[in-house]
Amino acid sequence: PDLTGHEKFGLGNVKYNISRMHVTAVELPSASISLLPGSGIKLVIGNASLTINMNWNIRTWMFKDSGRGTVHISKVFVTAIFSTPLENADPTSISLTSCQTTSGDIDIKLNGKR
């Protein structure tokens, strides 16, 4: 979905819109799944990265600008625990019990005038 909003800076508001976001690359160099006896499944993803392309525009009382942008997020680590149903429950159901995520670097490049 698009991100639209405004922020107050100094003497004025900055209105922004980020649209047409597309994930263009995902790298999962280290991923593992293990069973947790009697409780569920553990998923660990290490050193992952993600690249997103987008359009952006901003407007203030003094100027407006727009263009294309790229966000690259790297050194992403995820640990998720999924629980499986107990006996006599729906065998196709699974629920997320816990999830921890960290990211190391975020690189944002904005190019003006689409």
C-alpha atoms as a PDB file:
ATOM      1  CA  PRO A   1       0.000   0.000   0.000  1.00  0.00           C
ATOM      2  CA  ASP A   2       0.968   3.636  -0.467  1.00  0.00           C
ATOM      3  CA  LEU A   3       2.290   5.644   2.483  1.00  0.00           C
ATOM      4  CA  THR A   4       0.854   9.135   2.799  1.00  0.00           C
ATOM      5  CA  GLY A   5       1.149  11.604   5.646  1.00  0.00           C
ATOM      6  CA  HIS A   6       2.583  14.810   6.976  1.00  0.00           C
ATOM      7  CA  GLU A   7       5.194  15.866   9.515  1.00  0.00           C
ATOM      8  CA  LYS A   8       5.682  19.218  11.199  1.00  0.00           C
ATOM      9  CA  PHE A   9       9.194  20.669  10.846  1.00  0.00           C
ATOM     10  CA  GLY A  10      10.050  24.126  12.148  1.00  0.00           C
ATOM     11  CA  LEU A  11       7.572  26.614  10.762  1.00  0.00           C
ATOM     12  CA  GLY A  12       5.697  24.358   8.363  1.00  0.00           C
ATOM     13  CA  ASN A  13       4.315  20.987   7.439  1.00  0.00           C
ATOM     14  CA  VAL A  14       5.874  18.542   5.012  1.00  0.00           C
ATOM     15  CA  LYS A  15       3.358  16.398   3.139  1.00  0.00           C
ATOM     16  CA  TYR A  16       4.716  13.167   1.664  1.00  0.00           C
ATOM     17  CA  ASN A  17       3.551  10.266  -0.446  1.00  0.00           C
ATOM     18  CA  ILE A  18       5.412   7.029  -1.186  1.00  0.00           C
ATOM     19  CA  SER A  19       3.750   4.937  -3.875  1.00  0.00           C
ATOM     20  CA  ARG A  20       4.256   2.082  -6.342  1.00  0.00           C
ATOM     21  CA  MET A  21       6.501   0.155  -3.954  1.00  0.00           C
ATOM     22  CA  HIS A  22       7.878  -3.020  -5.505  1.00  0.00           C
ATOM     23  CA  VAL A  23      10.167  -5.579  -3.910  1.00  0.00           C
ATOM     24  CA  THR A  24      12.812  -6.144  -6.581  1.00  0.00           C
ATOM     25  CA  ALA A  25      15.240  -8.435  -4.748  1.00  0.00           C
ATOM     26  CA  VAL A  26      15.262 -10.750  -1.732  1.00  0.00           C
ATOM     27  CA  GLU A  27      18.328 -12.695  -0.641  1.00  0.00           C
ATOM     28  CA  LEU A  28      18.222 -15.414   2.013  1.00  0.00           C
ATOM     29  CA  PRO A  29      21.811 -16.695   2.173  1.00  0.00           C
ATOM     30  CA  SER A  30      21.270 -18.483   5.474  1.00  0.00           C
ATOM     31  CA  ALA A  31      17.946 -20.042   6.406  1.00  0.00           C
ATOM     32  CA  SER A  32      17.059 -23.083   8.487  1.00  0.00           C
ATOM     33  CA  ILE A  33      13.969 -24.812   9.803  1.00  0.00           C
ATOM     34  CA  SER A  34      14.042 -27.142  12.791  1.00  0.00           C
ATOM     35  CA  LEU A  35      11.423 -29.084  14.704  1.00  0.00           C
ATOM     36  CA  LEU A  36      10.855 -28.297  18.364  1.00  0.00           C
ATOM     37  CA  PRO A  37       9.648 -31.619  19.837  1.00  0.00           C
ATOM     38  CA  GLY A  38       6.172 -31.337  21.280  1.00  0.00           C
ATOM     39  CA  SER A  39       5.772 -27.647  20.518  1.00  0.00           C
ATOM     40  CA  GLY A  40       6.317 -26.593  16.912  1.00  0.00           C
ATOM     41  CA  ILE A  41       8.750 -25.306  14.323  1.00  0.00           C
ATOM     42  CA  LYS A  42      11.619 -22.808  14.538  1.00  0.00           C
ATOM     43  CA  LEU A  43      12.585 -20.733  11.495  1.00  0.00           C
ATOM     44  CA  VAL A  44      15.912 -18.869  11.507  1.00  0.00           C
ATOM     45  CA  ILE A  45      16.963 -16.513   8.694  1.00  0.00           C
ATOM     46  CA  GLY A  46      20.381 -14.905   8.869  1.00  0.00           C
ATOM     47  CA  ASN A  47      22.063 -12.105   6.954  1.00  0.00           C
ATOM     48  CA  ALA A  48      19.130 -11.579   4.595  1.00  0.00           C
ATOM     49  CA  SER A  49      18.625  -8.511   2.401  1.00  0.00           C
ATOM     50  CA  LEU A  50      15.742  -6.797   0.647  1.00  0.00           C
ATOM     51  CA  THR A  51      15.551  -4.140  -2.084  1.00  0.00           C
ATOM     52  CA  ILE A  52      12.447  -2.008  -2.707  1.00  0.00           C
ATOM     53  CA  ASN A  53      11.881   0.482  -5.561  1.00  0.00           C
ATOM     54  CA  MET A  54       9.290   3.251  -5.205  1.00  0.00           C
ATOM     55  CA  ASN A  55       7.978   6.635  -6.314  1.00  0.00           C
ATOM     56  CA  TRP A  56       8.049   9.511  -3.826  1.00  0.00           C
ATOM     57  CA  ASN A  57       6.895  13.099  -3.598  1.00  0.00           C
ATOM     58  CA  ILE A  58       7.012  15.803  -0.948  1.00  0.00           C
ATOM     59  CA  ARG A  59       5.347  19.199  -0.702  1.00  0.00           C
ATOM     60  CA  THR A  60       5.903  22.131   1.636  1.00  0.00           C
ATOM     61  CA  TRP A  61       4.664  25.717   1.552  1.00  0.00           C
ATOM     62  CA  MET A  62       7.978  26.650  -0.097  1.00  0.00           C
ATOM     63  CA  PHE A  63       8.649  23.847  -2.632  1.00  0.00           C
ATOM     64  CA  LYS A  64       7.633  20.474  -3.971  1.00  0.00           C
ATOM     65  CA  ASP A  65       9.688  17.634  -5.420  1.00  0.00           C
ATOM     66  CA  SER A  66       9.196  14.065  -6.607  1.00  0.00           C
ATOM     67  CA  GLY A  67      11.113  11.187  -8.096  1.00  0.00           C
ATOM     68  CA  ARG A  68      12.077   7.538  -7.808  1.00  0.00           C
ATOM     69  CA  GLY A  69      13.812   5.891  -4.893  1.00  0.00           C
ATOM     70  CA  THR A  70      15.462   2.664  -3.807  1.00  0.00           C
ATOM     71  CA  VAL A  71      15.655   1.257  -0.287  1.00  0.00           C
ATOM     72  CA  HIS A  72      18.139  -1.542   0.428  1.00  0.00           C
ATOM     73  CA  ILE A  73      17.889  -3.250   3.826  1.00  0.00           C
ATOM     74  CA  SER A  74      20.701  -5.650   4.725  1.00  0.00           C
ATOM     75  CA  LYS A  75      21.976  -7.698   7.648  1.00  0.00           C
ATOM     76  CA  VAL A  76      18.423  -8.791   8.469  1.00  0.00           C
ATOM     77  CA  PHE A  77      18.035 -11.551  11.045  1.00  0.00           C
ATOM     78  CA  VAL A  78      14.717 -13.267  11.827  1.00  0.00           C
ATOM     79  CA  THR A  79      13.862 -15.939  14.386  1.00  0.00           C
ATOM     80  CA  ALA A  80      10.267 -17.174  14.398  1.00  0.00           C
ATOM     81  CA  ILE A  81       8.586 -19.902  16.426  1.00  0.00           C
ATOM     82  CA  PHE A  82       5.408 -21.495  15.075  1.00  0.00           C
ATOM     83  CA  SER A  83       3.218 -23.725  17.216  1.00  0.00           C
ATOM     84  CA  THR A  84       1.410 -26.713  15.812  1.00  0.00           C
ATOM     85  CA  PRO A  85      -2.019 -27.893  17.012  1.00  0.00           C
ATOM     86  CA  LEU A  86      -2.483 -30.273  19.913  1.00  0.00           C
ATOM     87  CA  GLU A  87      -4.086 -33.662  19.368  1.00  0.00           C
ATOM     88  CA  ASN A  88      -7.637 -33.661  17.961  1.00  0.00           C
ATOM     89  CA  ALA A  89      -7.187 -30.142  16.564  1.00  0.00           C
ATOM     90  CA  ASP A  90      -7.185 -29.040  12.946  1.00  0.00           C
ATOM     91  CA  PRO A  91      -3.954 -30.553  11.549  1.00  0.00           C
ATOM     92  CA  THR A  92      -3.611 -27.827   8.912  1.00  0.00           C
ATOM     93  CA  SER A  93      -3.506 -24.922  11.372  1.00  0.00           C
ATOM     94  CA  ILE A  94      -0.346 -23.256  12.604  1.00  0.00           C
ATOM     95  CA  SER A  95       0.159 -20.085  14.614  1.00  0.00           C
ATOM     96  CA  LEU A  96       3.037 -17.690  15.166  1.00  0.00           C
ATOM     97  CA  THR A  97       4.126 -17.889  18.801  1.00  0.00           C
ATOM     98  CA  SER A  98       7.067 -15.472  18.735  1.00  0.00           C
ATOM     99  CA  CYS A  99       9.087 -13.477  16.231  1.00  0.00           C
ATOM    100  CA  GLN A 100      12.268 -11.419  16.606  1.00  0.00           C
ATOM    101  CA  THR A 101      13.722  -9.345  13.789  1.00  0.00           C
ATOM    102  CA  THR A 102      16.748  -7.068  13.552  1.00  0.00           C
ATOM    103  CA  SER A 103      18.228  -5.172  10.642  1.00  0.00           C
ATOM    104  CA  GLY A 104      21.738  -3.809  10.422  1.00  0.00           C
ATOM    105  CA  ASP A 105      21.952  -1.385   7.503  1.00  0.00           C
ATOM    106  CA  ILE A 106      19.393   0.666   5.600  1.00  0.00           C
ATOM    107  CA  ASP A 107      20.510   2.517   2.465  1.00  0.00           C
ATOM    108  CA  ILE A 108      18.039   4.994   0.931  1.00  0.00           C
ATOM    109  CA  LYS A 109      18.650   6.621  -2.465  1.00  0.00           C
ATOM    110  CA  LEU A 110      16.266   9.269  -3.749  1.00  0.00           C
ATOM    111  CA  ASN A 111      16.457  10.546  -7.330  1.00  0.00           C
ATOM    112  CA  GLY A 112      14.554  13.726  -8.198  1.00  0.00           C
ATOM    113  CA  LYS A 113      12.205  14.283 -11.111  1.00  0.00           C
ATOM    114  CA  ARG A 114      10.796  10.969 -12.295  1.00  0.00           C
END
